[in-house]
Amino acid sequence: MFDSVRNYWIGFNDPLEGRVNCMYLDQKSWVSTGIGYKLDETAQADSAPTDAERERSLAEAQELR
């Protein structure tokens, strides 16, 4: 990410998306956290994940502090 984008990213996106410290379902029913950080590896919006997609999503979520 360019420094020029990084300097304004939070201020620009904060009113558009919630800044939260927990996981939540976004408007497409994907698991997200923070400001638009998608943790969900499900290929199709509003659908149940496959076992492989669920495993990849869980592995990504476990990398968070």
N, C-alpha and C. Protein backbone atom coordinates (compact mmCIF):
# COMPACT_ATOMS: atom_id res chain seq x y z
N MET A 1 0.84 -1.17 0.00
CA MET A 1 0.00 0.00 0.00
C MET A 1 0.89 1.24 0.00
N PHE A 2 0.55 2.22 -0.82
CA PHE A 2 1.29 3.47 -0.86
C PHE A 2 1.09 4.24 0.45
N ASP A 3 2.12 4.97 0.88
CA ASP A 3 2.02 5.78 2.09
C ASP A 3 0.89 6.79 1.98
N SER A 4 0.68 7.33 0.79
CA SER A 4 -0.39 8.32 0.60
C SER A 4 -1.76 7.71 0.88
N VAL A 5 -1.94 6.45 0.56
CA VAL A 5 -3.20 5.75 0.85
C VAL A 5 -3.27 5.40 2.33
N ARG A 6 -2.20 4.85 2.86
CA ARG A 6 -2.16 4.45 4.27
C ARG A 6 -2.48 5.60 5.21
N ASN A 7 -2.00 6.81 4.87
CA ASN A 7 -2.20 7.98 5.72
C ASN A 7 -3.67 8.37 5.85
N TYR A 8 -4.50 8.03 4.87
CA TYR A 8 -5.90 8.44 4.87
C TYR A 8 -6.89 7.29 4.97
N TRP A 9 -6.41 6.06 4.95
CA TRP A 9 -7.28 4.88 4.87
C TRP A 9 -8.28 4.79 6.02
N ILE A 10 -7.81 4.85 7.25
CA ILE A 10 -8.69 4.70 8.41
C ILE A 10 -9.71 5.84 8.46
N GLY A 11 -9.25 7.07 8.32
CA GLY A 11 -10.16 8.20 8.36
C GLY A 11 -11.24 8.15 7.29
N PHE A 12 -10.88 7.66 6.10
CA PHE A 12 -11.83 7.57 5.01
C PHE A 12 -12.83 6.44 5.23
N ASN A 13 -12.38 5.28 5.68
CA ASN A 13 -13.23 4.11 5.80
C ASN A 13 -13.98 3.99 7.12
N ASP A 14 -13.51 4.66 8.15
CA ASP A 14 -14.14 4.53 9.47
C ASP A 14 -15.64 4.83 9.44
N PRO A 15 -16.09 5.88 8.76
CA PRO A 15 -17.54 6.13 8.72
C PRO A 15 -18.31 5.11 7.88
N LEU A 16 -17.62 4.42 6.98
CA LEU A 16 -18.30 3.48 6.09
C LEU A 16 -18.44 2.09 6.68
N GLU A 17 -17.50 1.69 7.50
CA GLU A 17 -17.51 0.36 8.10
C GLU A 17 -17.20 0.49 9.58
N GLY A 18 -17.75 -0.40 10.36
CA GLY A 18 -17.49 -0.34 11.80
C GLY A 18 -16.08 -0.76 12.14
N ARG A 19 -15.49 -0.10 13.10
CA ARG A 19 -14.17 -0.48 13.60
C ARG A 19 -14.42 -1.30 14.86
N VAL A 20 -14.31 -2.60 14.74
CA VAL A 20 -14.60 -3.47 15.87
C VAL A 20 -13.44 -4.43 16.10
N ASN A 21 -13.32 -4.94 17.31
CA ASN A 21 -12.25 -5.87 17.66
C ASN A 21 -12.76 -7.29 17.75
N CYS A 22 -13.84 -7.59 17.06
CA CYS A 22 -14.38 -8.95 17.05
C CYS A 22 -14.80 -9.28 15.62
N MET A 23 -15.11 -10.53 15.40
CA MET A 23 -15.56 -10.95 14.08
C MET A 23 -17.05 -10.67 13.94
N TYR A 24 -17.47 -10.33 12.72
CA TYR A 24 -18.88 -10.07 12.44
C TYR A 24 -19.18 -10.49 11.00
N LEU A 25 -20.47 -10.65 10.68
CA LEU A 25 -20.88 -10.96 9.32
C LEU A 25 -21.13 -9.65 8.58
N ASP A 26 -20.49 -9.50 7.42
CA ASP A 26 -20.71 -8.28 6.64
C ASP A 26 -22.00 -8.42 5.83
N GLN A 27 -22.24 -7.48 4.93
CA GLN A 27 -23.49 -7.46 4.18
C GLN A 27 -23.64 -8.65 3.23
N LYS A 28 -22.55 -9.35 2.93
CA LYS A 28 -22.62 -10.53 2.06
C LYS A 28 -22.53 -11.82 2.87
N SER A 29 -22.65 -11.68 4.20
CA SER A 29 -22.57 -12.82 5.14
C SER A 29 -21.19 -13.44 5.19
N TRP A 30 -20.16 -12.67 4.87
CA TRP A 30 -18.79 -13.12 5.03
C TRP A 30 -18.29 -12.66 6.39
N VAL A 31 -17.45 -13.47 7.02
CA VAL A 31 -16.89 -13.12 8.31
C VAL A 31 -15.79 -12.09 8.09
N SER A 32 -15.89 -10.97 8.82
CA SER A 32 -14.93 -9.88 8.72
C SER A 32 -14.56 -9.41 10.11
N THR A 33 -13.55 -8.57 10.19
CA THR A 33 -13.17 -7.95 11.46
C THR A 33 -12.53 -6.61 11.17
N GLY A 34 -12.31 -5.82 12.19
CA GLY A 34 -11.67 -4.52 12.01
C GLY A 34 -12.46 -3.64 11.08
N ILE A 35 -11.80 -3.01 10.15
CA ILE A 35 -12.45 -2.20 9.13
C ILE A 35 -12.32 -2.94 7.81
N GLY A 36 -13.30 -3.78 7.53
CA GLY A 36 -13.35 -4.48 6.25
C GLY A 36 -12.28 -5.52 6.01
N TYR A 37 -11.74 -6.13 7.06
CA TYR A 37 -10.74 -7.19 6.89
C TYR A 37 -11.48 -8.52 6.80
N LYS A 38 -11.61 -9.05 5.59
CA LYS A 38 -12.36 -10.27 5.34
C LYS A 38 -11.54 -11.48 5.75
N LEU A 39 -12.13 -12.29 6.62
CA LEU A 39 -11.48 -13.52 7.09
C LEU A 39 -12.06 -14.76 6.42
N ASP A 40 -13.10 -14.59 5.69
CA ASP A 40 -13.89 -15.70 5.16
C ASP A 40 -13.39 -16.11 3.78
N GLU A 41 -13.10 -17.38 3.61
CA GLU A 41 -12.62 -17.90 2.33
C GLU A 41 -13.74 -18.55 1.52
N THR A 42 -15.00 -18.33 1.91
CA THR A 42 -16.14 -18.88 1.18
C THR A 42 -16.22 -18.21 -0.18
N ALA A 43 -16.34 -19.00 -1.22
CA ALA A 43 -16.31 -18.47 -2.59
C ALA A 43 -17.59 -17.72 -2.96
N GLN A 44 -18.73 -18.23 -2.54
CA GLN A 44 -20.01 -17.63 -2.90
C GLN A 44 -20.60 -16.86 -1.74
N ALA A 45 -21.00 -15.62 -1.97
CA ALA A 45 -21.65 -14.82 -0.93
C ALA A 45 -22.97 -15.46 -0.53
N ASP A 46 -23.36 -15.29 0.73
CA ASP A 46 -24.63 -15.79 1.25
C ASP A 46 -24.80 -17.30 1.06
N SER A 47 -23.71 -18.04 1.17
CA SER A 47 -23.80 -19.50 1.05
C SER A 47 -22.94 -20.15 2.12
N ALA A 48 -23.23 -21.39 2.38
CA ALA A 48 -22.44 -22.14 3.37
C ALA A 48 -21.08 -22.49 2.76
N PRO A 49 -20.02 -22.43 3.56
CA PRO A 49 -18.69 -22.78 3.05
C PRO A 49 -18.52 -24.29 2.92
N THR A 50 -17.64 -24.68 2.03
CA THR A 50 -17.27 -26.09 1.96
C THR A 50 -16.35 -26.38 3.15
N ASP A 51 -16.06 -27.64 3.40
CA ASP A 51 -15.15 -27.99 4.50
C ASP A 51 -13.78 -27.36 4.29
N ALA A 52 -13.29 -27.36 3.04
CA ALA A 52 -11.97 -26.79 2.75
C ALA A 52 -11.98 -25.27 2.97
N GLU A 53 -13.05 -24.60 2.53
CA GLU A 53 -13.15 -23.16 2.73
C GLU A 53 -13.22 -22.82 4.22
N ARG A 54 -13.93 -23.63 4.97
CA ARG A 54 -14.05 -23.41 6.42
C ARG A 54 -12.68 -23.56 7.09
N GLU A 55 -11.92 -24.57 6.69
CA GLU A 55 -10.58 -24.79 7.26
C GLU A 55 -9.66 -23.61 6.95
N ARG A 56 -9.69 -23.11 5.71
CA ARG A 56 -8.85 -21.97 5.33
C ARG A 56 -9.26 -20.71 6.10
N SER A 57 -10.56 -20.51 6.27
CA SER A 57 -11.06 -19.35 7.04
C SER A 57 -10.60 -19.42 8.48
N LEU A 58 -10.70 -20.59 9.09
CA LEU A 58 -10.29 -20.77 10.48
C LEU A 58 -8.79 -20.53 10.63
N ALA A 59 -8.00 -21.04 9.70
CA ALA A 59 -6.55 -20.84 9.76
C ALA A 59 -6.21 -19.35 9.67
N GLU A 60 -6.91 -18.60 8.81
CA GLU A 60 -6.66 -17.18 8.69
C GLU A 60 -7.06 -16.44 9.97
N ALA A 61 -8.18 -16.81 10.57
CA ALA A 61 -8.64 -16.18 11.80
C ALA A 61 -7.67 -16.45 12.96
N GLN A 62 -7.07 -17.61 12.98
CA GLN A 62 -6.14 -17.95 14.07
C GLN A 62 -4.83 -17.19 13.99
N GLU A 63 -4.56 -16.55 12.84
CA GLU A 63 -3.35 -15.74 12.70
C GLU A 63 -3.49 -14.37 13.34
N LEU A 64 -4.74 -13.96 13.66
CA LEU A 64 -4.96 -12.66 14.29
C LEU A 64 -4.50 -12.67 15.74
N ARG A 65 -4.08 -11.50 16.22
CA ARG A 65 -3.73 -11.37 17.63
C ARG A 65 -4.96 -11.13 18.46
